[in-house]
Amino acid sequence: MARAQGARAQMALAFETTYGTPPAGGYTRMPFASTTLGSEQPLLNSELLGYGRDPLAPIKDAVTADGDVVVPLDANAFGFWLKAAFGEPITTGSGPWTHEFRSGSWTLPSLAIETGMPEVPRYAMYSGCVLDQLSWQMQRAGLLTASARLVAQGEAVGTTSGAGTPAAIELKRFGHFNGAISRNGAPLGNIVSAEITYANNLDRIETIRADGRVDGADPSIAALTGRIEVRFADGTLVTQAINGEACELAFGYELPSGESLTLTAHAVYLPRPRIEIAGPQGVQATFDWQAARDGSLGRMCTVTLVNDTEDY
């Protein structure tokens, strides 16, 4: 009897034309490290009395379909997750192409995502997937991955794939070694680690339906937050926090072959941190930053992806 193994698992993705309706084709095979995307339906214990000490049969509660997908930050496949987070990009160039994703869109595309375990076989198609949150960390060493949190409408499980033969995509992965952070266009030094989280703060439309699924997931006020941990070497960031001023922070990666990924938060505000002396080692300060809408640009952030993919 075959046993399911994560090493043989597959994932295919395509954007939906109609929310909750998986397309017949156009899927792309996606690289991923792990996933908790799934559907669950809890049981409710019976509250009825008068039948003795042994409980009556439980009844089914509402269906919930959601989860996280851990994916690599790479020059090609990551564009699909950026489109899910921000909407359609503005694409320029003629190879390489520059894709500019802007925050603030009221309309987000939905995805159909299939996870497959061919040895069972089990193929689970998740329709109506909308991206709720995208986050990753910057540090000196280790594997660079991002976590995409999704809200789906439902799950359909079969023994054959509904994605056909997904298109292959060339993996050009960014690493922590390729990363850099700048403040107002100048390199920002003494950074130990950084965290970036973009959230659409989805509002689930939980109406009464015969199938128990949600009607949709609408984006509300977005949020771009994070944390930077710095070696305390000067008072630039502390002074900005005390004065309540905004700065522009850019978190970027660039490969030697020319591909690049840059998230620019146009108006970042810093809280006043606690400066602690924990011992004889170097002193560090942590800033839990928040981004806001920049009045001159009319948006909170811009993500620029330069690669060999013509469109998403």
C-alpha atoms as a PDB file:
ATOM      1  CA  MET A   1       0.000   0.000   0.000  1.00  0.00           C
ATOM      2  CA  ALA A   2       1.367   3.410  -1.007  1.00  0.00           C
ATOM      3  CA  ARG A   3       1.937   5.957   1.722  1.00  0.00           C
ATOM      4  CA  ALA A   4       1.752   9.699   1.163  1.00  0.00           C
ATOM      5  CA  GLN A   5       5.054  11.552   1.434  1.00  0.00           C
ATOM      6  CA  GLY A   6       5.648  15.271   1.347  1.00  0.00           C
ATOM      7  CA  ALA A   7       8.613  14.756  -0.970  1.00  0.00           C
ATOM      8  CA  ARG A   8       6.218  13.663  -3.740  1.00  0.00           C
ATOM      9  CA  ALA A   9       3.578  16.321  -3.070  1.00  0.00           C
ATOM     10  CA  GLN A  10       2.670  18.730  -5.861  1.00  0.00           C
ATOM     11  CA  MET A  11       0.986  22.110  -6.024  1.00  0.00           C
ATOM     12  CA  ALA A  12      -0.630  23.798  -9.016  1.00  0.00           C
ATOM     13  CA  LEU A  13      -2.136  27.273  -9.142  1.00  0.00           C
ATOM     14  CA  ALA A  14      -4.314  29.297 -11.516  1.00  0.00           C
ATOM     15  CA  PHE A  15      -6.283  32.532 -11.243  1.00  0.00           C
ATOM     16  CA  GLU A  16     -10.064  32.219 -11.422  1.00  0.00           C
ATOM     17  CA  THR A  17     -12.280  34.154 -13.790  1.00  0.00           C
ATOM     18  CA  THR A  18     -15.301  33.597 -11.528  1.00  0.00           C
ATOM     19  CA  TYR A  19     -14.901  33.424  -7.779  1.00  0.00           C
ATOM     20  CA  GLY A  20     -15.153  29.847  -6.540  1.00  0.00           C
ATOM     21  CA  THR A  21     -14.983  28.260 -10.014  1.00  0.00           C
ATOM     22  CA  PRO A  22     -11.651  26.573 -10.796  1.00  0.00           C
ATOM     23  CA  PRO A  23     -10.558  27.135 -14.400  1.00  0.00           C
ATOM     24  CA  ALA A  24     -10.294  24.181 -16.759  1.00  0.00           C
ATOM     25  CA  GLY A  25      -6.659  24.934 -17.621  1.00  0.00           C
ATOM     26  CA  GLY A  26      -3.852  27.437 -17.365  1.00  0.00           C
ATOM     27  CA  TYR A  27      -2.321  26.044 -14.183  1.00  0.00           C
ATOM     28  CA  THR A  28       1.302  26.568 -13.153  1.00  0.00           C
ATOM     29  CA  ARG A  29       3.325  24.202 -11.008  1.00  0.00           C
ATOM     30  CA  MET A  30       4.389  26.076  -7.893  1.00  0.00           C
ATOM     31  CA  PRO A  31       7.399  25.523  -5.638  1.00  0.00           C
ATOM     32  CA  PHE A  32       6.539  25.316  -1.941  1.00  0.00           C
ATOM     33  CA  ALA A  33       8.147  24.172   1.295  1.00  0.00           C
ATOM     34  CA  SER A  34       5.042  23.265   3.307  1.00  0.00           C
ATOM     35  CA  THR A  35       1.334  23.961   3.474  1.00  0.00           C
ATOM     36  CA  THR A  36      -1.496  23.804   6.001  1.00  0.00           C
ATOM     37  CA  LEU A  37      -4.148  24.699   3.430  1.00  0.00           C
ATOM     38  CA  GLY A  38      -7.146  22.496   4.074  1.00  0.00           C
ATOM     39  CA  SER A  39     -10.827  22.238   4.865  1.00  0.00           C
ATOM     40  CA  GLU A  40     -12.265  21.226   8.213  1.00  0.00           C
ATOM     41  CA  GLN A  41     -15.715  20.760   9.678  1.00  0.00           C
ATOM     42  CA  PRO A  42     -15.919  20.338  13.457  1.00  0.00           C
ATOM     43  CA  LEU A  43     -18.556  18.391  15.333  1.00  0.00           C
ATOM     44  CA  LEU A  44     -20.907  19.916  17.888  1.00  0.00           C
ATOM     45  CA  ASN A  45     -21.689  17.894  21.000  1.00  0.00           C
ATOM     46  CA  SER A  46     -25.344  17.224  21.662  1.00  0.00           C
ATOM     47  CA  GLU A  47     -26.787  19.321  24.487  1.00  0.00           C
ATOM     48  CA  LEU A  48     -30.037  17.339  24.796  1.00  0.00           C
ATOM     49  CA  LEU A  49     -31.098  15.696  28.056  1.00  0.00           C
ATOM     50  CA  GLY A  50     -33.362  12.821  28.937  1.00  0.00           C
ATOM     51  CA  TYR A  51     -31.572   9.980  27.123  1.00  0.00           C
ATOM     52  CA  GLY A  52     -29.292   8.773  29.908  1.00  0.00           C
ATOM     53  CA  ARG A  53     -25.646   9.454  30.618  1.00  0.00           C
ATOM     54  CA  ASP A  54     -24.420   8.482  27.173  1.00  0.00           C
ATOM     55  CA  PRO A  55     -24.504  11.408  24.714  1.00  0.00           C
ATOM     56  CA  LEU A  56     -26.503  11.533  21.515  1.00  0.00           C
ATOM     57  CA  ALA A  57     -24.764  11.714  18.156  1.00  0.00           C
ATOM     58  CA  PRO A  58     -22.992  15.007  17.398  1.00  0.00           C
ATOM     59  CA  ILE A  59     -23.984  17.232  14.490  1.00  0.00           C
ATOM     60  CA  LYS A  60     -21.770  18.915  11.913  1.00  0.00           C
ATOM     61  CA  ASP A  61     -20.804  22.578  12.201  1.00  0.00           C
ATOM     62  CA  ALA A  62     -19.856  25.048   9.435  1.00  0.00           C
ATOM     63  CA  VAL A  63     -17.065  24.294   6.959  1.00  0.00           C
ATOM     64  CA  THR A  64     -13.842  26.307   7.199  1.00  0.00           C
ATOM     65  CA  ALA A  65     -11.244  26.269   4.422  1.00  0.00           C
ATOM     66  CA  ASP A  66      -8.011  28.192   4.946  1.00  0.00           C
ATOM     67  CA  GLY A  67      -4.334  27.773   5.766  1.00  0.00           C
ATOM     68  CA  ASP A  68      -0.782  28.884   5.069  1.00  0.00           C
ATOM     69  CA  VAL A  69       1.583  28.075   2.216  1.00  0.00           C
ATOM     70  CA  VAL A  70       5.326  28.501   2.779  1.00  0.00           C
ATOM     71  CA  VAL A  71       6.979  29.448  -0.503  1.00  0.00           C
ATOM     72  CA  PRO A  72      10.464  30.534  -1.588  1.00  0.00           C
ATOM     73  CA  LEU A  73      11.133  34.135  -2.535  1.00  0.00           C
ATOM     74  CA  ASP A  74      12.157  33.719  -6.133  1.00  0.00           C
ATOM     75  CA  ALA A  75      12.256  35.855  -9.252  1.00  0.00           C
ATOM     76  CA  ASN A  76       9.449  34.129 -11.161  1.00  0.00           C
ATOM     77  CA  ALA A  77       6.952  32.152  -9.068  1.00  0.00           C
ATOM     78  CA  PHE A  78       6.703  34.769  -6.311  1.00  0.00           C
ATOM     79  CA  GLY A  79       4.949  37.083  -8.765  1.00  0.00           C
ATOM     80  CA  PHE A  80       1.815  34.906  -8.533  1.00  0.00           C
ATOM     81  CA  TRP A  81       1.629  35.480  -4.789  1.00  0.00           C
ATOM     82  CA  LEU A  82       2.252  39.206  -5.230  1.00  0.00           C
ATOM     83  CA  LYS A  83      -0.608  39.412  -7.715  1.00  0.00           C
ATOM     84  CA  ALA A  84      -2.838  37.606  -5.224  1.00  0.00           C
ATOM     85  CA  ALA A  85      -1.813  40.080  -2.507  1.00  0.00           C
ATOM     86  CA  PHE A  86      -1.988  43.351  -4.464  1.00  0.00           C
ATOM     87  CA  GLY A  87      -3.927  42.696  -7.666  1.00  0.00           C
ATOM     88  CA  GLU A  88      -2.881  43.155 -11.284  1.00  0.00           C
ATOM     89  CA  PRO A  89       0.598  44.641 -11.724  1.00  0.00           C
ATOM     90  CA  ILE A  90       1.682  47.401 -14.077  1.00  0.00           C
ATOM     91  CA  THR A  91       4.117  45.663 -16.431  1.00  0.00           C
ATOM     92  CA  THR A  92       6.681  47.448 -18.585  1.00  0.00           C
ATOM     93  CA  GLY A  93       9.717  46.408 -20.616  1.00  0.00           C
ATOM     94  CA  SER A  94      10.335  43.856 -23.321  1.00  0.00           C
ATOM     95  CA  GLY A  95      12.424  41.222 -21.568  1.00  0.00           C
ATOM     96  CA  PRO A  96      13.381  41.485 -18.822  1.00  0.00           C
ATOM     97  CA  TRP A  97      10.019  42.783 -17.643  1.00  0.00           C
ATOM     98  CA  THR A  98       9.342  45.071 -14.695  1.00  0.00           C
ATOM     99  CA  HIS A  99       6.157  44.298 -12.731  1.00  0.00           C
ATOM    100  CA  GLU A 100       4.987  46.982 -10.338  1.00  0.00           C
ATOM    101  CA  PHE A 101       2.459  45.904  -7.700  1.00  0.00           C
ATOM    102  CA  ARG A 102       0.709  48.706  -5.835  1.00  0.00           C
ATOM    103  CA  SER A 103      -1.227  48.625  -2.596  1.00  0.00           C
ATOM    104  CA  GLY A 104      -4.717  50.014  -2.265  1.00  0.00           C
ATOM    105  CA  SER A 105      -6.674  47.963  -4.823  1.00  0.00           C
ATOM    106  CA  TRP A 106     -10.270  47.280  -3.809  1.00  0.00           C
ATOM    107  CA  THR A 107     -10.425  44.166  -5.990  1.00  0.00           C
ATOM    108  CA  LEU A 108      -8.251  41.115  -5.407  1.00  0.00           C
ATOM    109  CA  PRO A 109      -8.113  38.088  -7.715  1.00  0.00           C
ATOM    110  CA  SER A 110      -9.099  34.662  -6.446  1.00  0.00           C
ATOM    111  CA  LEU A 111      -7.063  31.523  -6.962  1.00  0.00           C
ATOM    112  CA  ALA A 112      -7.669  27.854  -7.532  1.00  0.00           C
ATOM    113  CA  ILE A 113      -4.956  25.817  -5.822  1.00  0.00           C
ATOM    114  CA  GLU A 114      -4.585  22.074  -6.116  1.00  0.00           C
ATOM    115  CA  THR A 115      -2.402  20.013  -3.805  1.00  0.00           C
ATOM    116  CA  GLY A 116      -1.706  16.484  -4.939  1.00  0.00           C
ATOM    117  CA  MET A 117      -0.403  13.317  -3.321  1.00  0.00           C
ATOM    118  CA  PRO A 118      -0.139  10.976  -6.307  1.00  0.00           C
ATOM    119  CA  GLU A 119       0.775   7.837  -4.358  1.00  0.00           C
ATOM    120  CA  VAL A 120      -2.595   7.647  -2.542  1.00  0.00           C
ATOM    121  CA  PRO A 121      -3.912   9.142  -4.898  1.00  0.00           C
ATOM    122  CA  ARG A 122      -5.477  12.299  -3.465  1.00  0.00           C
ATOM    123  CA  TYR A 123      -5.905  15.597  -5.293  1.00  0.00           C
ATOM    124  CA  ALA A 124      -7.513  18.426  -3.324  1.00  0.00           C
ATOM    125  CA  MET A 125      -8.718  21.451  -5.292  1.00  0.00           C
ATOM    126  CA  TYR A 126      -9.224  24.589  -3.215  1.00  0.00           C
ATOM    127  CA  SER A 127     -11.381  27.110  -5.008  1.00  0.00           C
ATOM    128  CA  GLY A 128     -12.010  30.749  -4.171  1.00  0.00           C
ATOM    129  CA  CYS A 129      -8.625  31.247  -2.482  1.00  0.00           C
ATOM    130  CA  VAL A 130      -7.976  34.889  -1.552  1.00  0.00           C
ATOM    131  CA  LEU A 131      -4.700  35.976  -0.007  1.00  0.00           C
ATOM    132  CA  ASP A 132      -5.121  37.402   3.471  1.00  0.00           C
ATOM    133  CA  GLN A 133      -1.499  37.924   4.544  1.00  0.00           C
ATOM    134  CA  LEU A 134       1.998  37.728   3.082  1.00  0.00           C
ATOM    135  CA  SER A 135       5.032  37.847   5.366  1.00  0.00           C
ATOM    136  CA  TRP A 136       8.729  37.041   5.454  1.00  0.00           C
ATOM    137  CA  GLN A 137      11.904  37.744   7.416  1.00  0.00           C
ATOM    138  CA  MET A 138      15.287  39.178   6.491  1.00  0.00           C
ATOM    139  CA  GLN A 139      18.340  37.936   8.317  1.00  0.00           C
ATOM    140  CA  ARG A 140      22.008  37.193   7.766  1.00  0.00           C
ATOM    141  CA  ALA A 141      21.814  33.465   7.023  1.00  0.00           C
ATOM    142  CA  GLY A 142      19.373  30.631   6.404  1.00  0.00           C
ATOM    143  CA  LEU A 143      16.739  29.811   3.799  1.00  0.00           C
ATOM    144  CA  LEU A 144      14.608  32.702   2.566  1.00  0.00           C
ATOM    145  CA  THR A 145      10.904  31.837   2.503  1.00  0.00           C
ATOM    146  CA  ALA A 146       7.604  33.670   2.759  1.00  0.00           C
ATOM    147  CA  SER A 147       4.325  32.604   4.318  1.00  0.00           C
ATOM    148  CA  ALA A 148       1.111  33.213   2.368  1.00  0.00           C
ATOM    149  CA  ARG A 149      -2.081  32.977   4.439  1.00  0.00           C
ATOM    150  CA  LEU A 150      -5.140  32.101   2.370  1.00  0.00           C
ATOM    151  CA  VAL A 151      -8.896  32.048   2.864  1.00  0.00           C
ATOM    152  CA  ALA A 152     -10.636  29.578   0.552  1.00  0.00           C
ATOM    153  CA  GLN A 153     -14.268  28.971  -0.256  1.00  0.00           C
ATOM    154  CA  GLY A 154     -14.165  25.204  -0.348  1.00  0.00           C
ATOM    155  CA  GLU A 155     -12.368  21.953  -1.049  1.00  0.00           C
ATOM    156  CA  ALA A 156     -13.077  19.258  -3.628  1.00  0.00           C
ATOM    157  CA  VAL A 157     -11.148  15.992  -3.316  1.00  0.00           C
ATOM    158  CA  GLY A 158     -10.652  13.536  -6.157  1.00  0.00           C
ATOM    159  CA  THR A 159      -8.406  10.702  -7.280  1.00  0.00           C
ATOM    160  CA  THR A 160      -7.281  12.445 -10.471  1.00  0.00           C
ATOM    161  CA  SER A 161      -5.823  15.888 -11.006  1.00  0.00           C
ATOM    162  CA  GLY A 162      -8.096  18.699 -12.150  1.00  0.00           C
ATOM    163  CA  ALA A 163      -5.127  20.860 -13.117  1.00  0.00           C
ATOM    164  CA  GLY A 164      -4.107  18.834 -16.157  1.00  0.00           C
ATOM    165  CA  THR A 165      -0.423  19.243 -16.938  1.00  0.00           C
ATOM    166  CA  PRO A 166       0.717  22.412 -15.125  1.00  0.00           C
ATOM    167  CA  ALA A 167       3.214  24.663 -16.843  1.00  0.00           C
ATOM    168  CA  ALA A 168       6.721  24.500 -15.443  1.00  0.00           C
ATOM    169  CA  ILE A 169       8.383  27.615 -14.116  1.00  0.00           C
ATOM    170  CA  GLU A 170      12.102  28.308 -13.826  1.00  0.00           C
ATOM    171  CA  LEU A 171      13.145  28.711 -10.209  1.00  0.00           C
ATOM    172  CA  LYS A 172      15.545  31.594  -9.577  1.00  0.00           C
ATOM    173  CA  ARG A 173      15.641  31.845  -5.826  1.00  0.00           C
ATOM    174  CA  PHE A 174      16.682  34.855  -3.787  1.00  0.00           C
ATOM    175  CA  GLY A 175      18.741  34.331  -0.661  1.00  0.00           C
ATOM    176  CA  HIS A 176      19.427  36.350   2.458  1.00  0.00           C
ATOM    177  CA  PHE A 177      22.854  37.094   0.994  1.00  0.00           C
ATOM    178  CA  ASN A 178      21.130  39.042  -1.821  1.00  0.00           C
ATOM    179  CA  GLY A 179      19.179  41.270   0.581  1.00  0.00           C
ATOM    180  CA  ALA A 180      19.633  44.933   1.455  1.00  0.00           C
ATOM    181  CA  ILE A 181      17.646  47.600   3.341  1.00  0.00           C
ATOM    182  CA  SER A 182      17.648  51.313   2.599  1.00  0.00           C
ATOM    183  CA  ARG A 183      16.162  54.356   4.330  1.00  0.00           C
ATOM    184  CA  ASN A 184      15.212  57.359   2.186  1.00  0.00           C
ATOM    185  CA  GLY A 185      17.351  55.970  -0.619  1.00  0.00           C
ATOM    186  CA  ALA A 186      20.517  55.452   1.469  1.00  0.00           C
ATOM    187  CA  PRO A 187      21.723  52.047   2.762  1.00  0.00           C
ATOM    188  CA  LEU A 188      20.621  51.395   6.321  1.00  0.00           C
ATOM    189  CA  GLY A 189      23.382  49.730   8.316  1.00  0.00           C
ATOM    190  CA  ASN A 190      23.574  47.861  11.618  1.00  0.00           C
ATOM    191  CA  ILE A 191      20.415  45.849  10.868  1.00  0.00           C
ATOM    192  CA  VAL A 192      20.410  42.470  12.620  1.00  0.00           C
ATOM    193  CA  SER A 193      17.046  41.220  11.322  1.00  0.00           C
ATOM    194  CA  ALA A 194      13.827  42.510   9.807  1.00  0.00           C
ATOM    195  CA  GLU A 195      10.253  41.293   9.467  1.00  0.00           C
ATOM    196  CA  ILE A 196       7.730  42.389   6.824  1.00  0.00           C
ATOM    197  CA  THR A 197       4.000  41.610   6.950  1.00  0.00           C
ATOM    198  CA  TYR A 198       1.390  42.799   4.457  1.00  0.00           C
ATOM    199  CA  ALA A 199      -2.221  42.026   5.413  1.00  0.00           C
ATOM    200  CA  ASN A 200      -5.424  42.518   3.423  1.00  0.00           C
ATOM    201  CA  ASN A 201      -7.495  41.883   6.585  1.00  0.00           C
ATOM    202  CA  LEU A 202     -10.132  39.911   4.713  1.00  0.00           C
ATOM    203  CA  ASP A 203     -13.759  40.046   5.774  1.00  0.00           C
ATOM    204  CA  ARG A 204     -15.349  36.626   5.336  1.00  0.00           C
ATOM    205  CA  ILE A 205     -18.904  36.800   3.996  1.00  0.00           C
ATOM    206  CA  GLU A 206     -20.463  34.094   6.151  1.00  0.00           C
ATOM    207  CA  THR A 207     -24.005  33.831   4.816  1.00  0.00           C
ATOM    208  CA  ILE A 208     -26.407  30.912   5.189  1.00  0.00           C
ATOM    209  CA  ARG A 209     -25.832  28.424   2.383  1.00  0.00           C
ATOM    210  CA  ALA A 210     -26.818  24.806   1.816  1.00  0.00           C
ATOM    211  CA  ASP A 211     -23.183  23.799   1.254  1.00  0.00           C
ATOM    212  CA  GLY A 212     -21.894  25.604   4.356  1.00  0.00           C
ATOM    213  CA  ARG A 213     -19.321  27.624   2.406  1.00  0.00           C
ATOM    214  CA  VAL A 214     -18.597  31.344   2.603  1.00  0.00           C
ATOM    215  CA  ASP A 215     -19.905  33.686  -0.088  1.00  0.00           C
ATOM    216  CA  GLY A 216     -16.585  35.468  -0.440  1.00  0.00           C
ATOM    217  CA  ALA A 217     -13.714  37.230   1.281  1.00  0.00           C
ATOM    218  CA  ASP A 218     -13.561  40.994   0.806  1.00  0.00           C
ATOM    219  CA  PRO A 219     -10.478  43.095   1.559  1.00  0.00           C
ATOM    220  CA  SER A 220     -10.839  45.800   4.204  1.00  0.00           C
ATOM    221  CA  ILE A 221      -8.246  48.312   5.465  1.00  0.00           C
ATOM    222  CA  ALA A 222      -4.816  46.929   4.593  1.00  0.00           C
ATOM    223  CA  ALA A 223      -1.829  46.931   6.916  1.00  0.00           C
ATOM    224  CA  LEU A 224       1.901  46.898   6.308  1.00  0.00           C
ATOM    225  CA  THR A 225       3.825  46.316   9.499  1.00  0.00           C
ATOM    226  CA  GLY A 226       7.081  44.795  10.600  1.00  0.00           C
ATOM    227  CA  ARG A 227      10.021  44.844  12.913  1.00  0.00           C
ATOM    228  CA  ILE A 228      13.640  45.832  12.536  1.00  0.00           C
ATOM    229  CA  GLU A 229      16.259  44.933  15.101  1.00  0.00           C
ATOM    230  CA  VAL A 230      19.335  47.131  14.970  1.00  0.00           C
ATOM    231  CA  ARG A 231      22.686  47.401  16.672  1.00  0.00           C
ATOM    232  CA  PHE A 232      22.514  50.693  18.529  1.00  0.00           C
ATOM    233  CA  ALA A 233      25.187  52.813  16.837  1.00  0.00           C
ATOM    234  CA  ASP A 234      23.540  56.218  16.352  1.00  0.00           C
ATOM    235  CA  GLY A 235      20.357  58.048  17.200  1.00  0.00           C
ATOM    236  CA  THR A 236      18.902  58.468  13.688  1.00  0.00           C
ATOM    237  CA  LEU A 237      15.989  56.056  14.087  1.00  0.00           C
ATOM    238  CA  VAL A 238      15.347  57.004  17.705  1.00  0.00           C
ATOM    239  CA  THR A 239      15.229  60.701  16.785  1.00  0.00           C
ATOM    240  CA  GLN A 240      12.762  59.953  13.987  1.00  0.00           C
ATOM    241  CA  ALA A 241      10.581  57.994  16.409  1.00  0.00           C
ATOM    242  CA  ILE A 242      10.608  60.789  18.994  1.00  0.00           C
ATOM    243  CA  ASN A 243       9.773  63.433  16.373  1.00  0.00           C
ATOM    244  CA  GLY A 244       6.966  61.325  14.900  1.00  0.00           C
ATOM    245  CA  GLU A 245       8.340  61.703  11.391  1.00  0.00           C
ATOM    246  CA  ALA A 246       7.962  59.279   8.483  1.00  0.00           C
ATOM    247  CA  CYS A 247      10.675  57.786   6.321  1.00  0.00           C
ATOM    248  CA  GLU A 248      10.784  55.529   3.284  1.00  0.00           C
ATOM    249  CA  LEU A 249      12.081  52.005   3.858  1.00  0.00           C
ATOM    250  CA  ALA A 250      12.983  49.682   0.990  1.00  0.00           C
ATOM    251  CA  PHE A 251      13.608  45.968   1.430  1.00  0.00           C
ATOM    252  CA  GLY A 252      15.242  44.494  -1.644  1.00  0.00           C
ATOM    253  CA  TYR A 253      16.968  41.501  -3.197  1.00  0.00           C
ATOM    254  CA  GLU A 254      18.980  41.292  -6.406  1.00  0.00           C
ATOM    255  CA  LEU A 255      20.516  38.315  -8.176  1.00  0.00           C
ATOM    256  CA  PRO A 256      23.786  38.508 -10.124  1.00  0.00           C
ATOM    257  CA  SER A 257      21.809  37.671 -13.285  1.00  0.00           C
ATOM    258  CA  GLY A 258      19.795  40.905 -12.938  1.00  0.00           C
ATOM    259  CA  GLU A 259      16.481  39.747 -11.413  1.00  0.00           C
ATOM    260  CA  SER A 260      15.360  41.793  -8.429  1.00  0.00           C
ATOM    261  CA  LEU A 261      12.569  42.155  -5.882  1.00  0.00           C
ATOM    262  CA  THR A 262      12.007  45.352  -3.895  1.00  0.00           C
ATOM    263  CA  LEU A 263       9.254  46.250  -1.453  1.00  0.00           C
ATOM    264  CA  THR A 264       9.152  49.993  -0.776  1.00  0.00           C
ATOM    265  CA  ALA A 265       7.096  51.294   2.135  1.00  0.00           C
ATOM    266  CA  HIS A 266       6.674  54.968   1.316  1.00  0.00           C
ATOM    267  CA  ALA A 267       5.710  56.337   4.737  1.00  0.00           C
ATOM    268  CA  VAL A 268       7.030  54.364   7.696  1.00  0.00           C
ATOM    269  CA  TYR A 269       6.497  55.445  11.298  1.00  0.00           C
ATOM    270  CA  LEU A 270       8.615  54.158  14.156  1.00  0.00           C
ATOM    271  CA  PRO A 271       7.663  53.801  17.820  1.00  0.00           C
ATOM    272  CA  ARG A 272      10.004  55.040  20.517  1.00  0.00           C
ATOM    273  CA  PRO A 273      11.877  51.897  21.636  1.00  0.00           C
ATOM    274  CA  ARG A 274      13.189  50.801  24.989  1.00  0.00           C
ATOM    275  CA  ILE A 275      17.002  50.848  24.920  1.00  0.00           C
ATOM    276  CA  GLU A 276      18.142  48.059  27.224  1.00  0.00           C
ATOM    277  CA  ILE A 277      21.658  47.142  28.348  1.00  0.00           C
ATOM    278  CA  ALA A 278      21.460  43.390  28.873  1.00  0.00           C
ATOM    279  CA  GLY A 279      25.140  42.746  29.559  1.00  0.00           C
ATOM    280  CA  PRO A 280      28.604  43.293  28.172  1.00  0.00           C
ATOM    281  CA  GLN A 281      27.599  42.459  24.601  1.00  0.00           C
ATOM    282  CA  GLY A 282      26.453  44.985  22.017  1.00  0.00           C
ATOM    283  CA  VAL A 283      23.294  46.992  22.678  1.00  0.00           C
ATOM    284  CA  GLN A 284      20.374  46.407  20.334  1.00  0.00           C
ATOM    285  CA  ALA A 285      17.089  48.211  19.764  1.00  0.00           C
ATOM    286  CA  THR A 286      13.874  46.878  18.249  1.00  0.00           C
ATOM    287  CA  PHE A 287      11.440  49.020  16.253  1.00  0.00           C
ATOM    288  CA  ASP A 288       7.939  47.692  15.531  1.00  0.00           C
ATOM    289  CA  TRP A 289       7.248  49.883  12.509  1.00  0.00           C
ATOM    290  CA  GLN A 290       3.996  50.704  10.751  1.00  0.00           C
ATOM    291  CA  ALA A 291       3.473  51.990   7.235  1.00  0.00           C
ATOM    292  CA  ALA A 292       0.767  54.421   6.164  1.00  0.00           C
ATOM    293  CA  ARG A 293      -0.547  55.967   2.979  1.00  0.00           C
ATOM    294  CA  ASP A 294       1.835  58.451   1.408  1.00  0.00           C
ATOM    295  CA  GLY A 295      -0.061  61.607   0.517  1.00  0.00           C
ATOM    296  CA  SER A 296       1.941  62.490  -2.590  1.00  0.00           C
ATOM    297  CA  LEU A 297       1.941  58.985  -4.131  1.00  0.00           C
ATOM    298  CA  GLY A 298      -1.537  58.033  -2.961  1.00  0.00           C
ATOM    299  CA  ARG A 299      -0.560  54.554  -1.766  1.00  0.00           C
ATOM    300  CA  MET A 300       1.176  52.812   1.098  1.00  0.00           C
ATOM    301  CA  CYS A 301       3.699  50.610  -0.684  1.00  0.00           C
ATOM    302  CA  THR A 302       5.029  49.448  -4.034  1.00  0.00           C
ATOM    303  CA  VAL A 303       6.563  46.075  -4.849  1.00  0.00           C
ATOM    304  CA  THR A 304       8.773  45.961  -7.953  1.00  0.00           C
ATOM    305  CA  LEU A 305       9.689  42.603  -9.464  1.00  0.00           C
ATOM    306  CA  VAL A 306      12.102  42.390 -12.392  1.00  0.00           C
ATOM    307  CA  ASN A 307      12.289  39.009 -14.114  1.00  0.00           C
ATOM    308  CA  ASP A 308      11.907  37.027 -17.352  1.00  0.00           C
ATOM    309  CA  THR A 309       8.154  36.374 -16.940  1.00  0.00           C
ATOM    310  CA  GLU A 310       6.107  38.463 -19.351  1.00  0.00           C
ATOM    311  CA  ASP A 311       2.794  38.455 -17.460  1.00  0.00           C
ATOM    312  CA  TYR A 312       0.898  36.895 -14.597  1.00  0.00           C
END
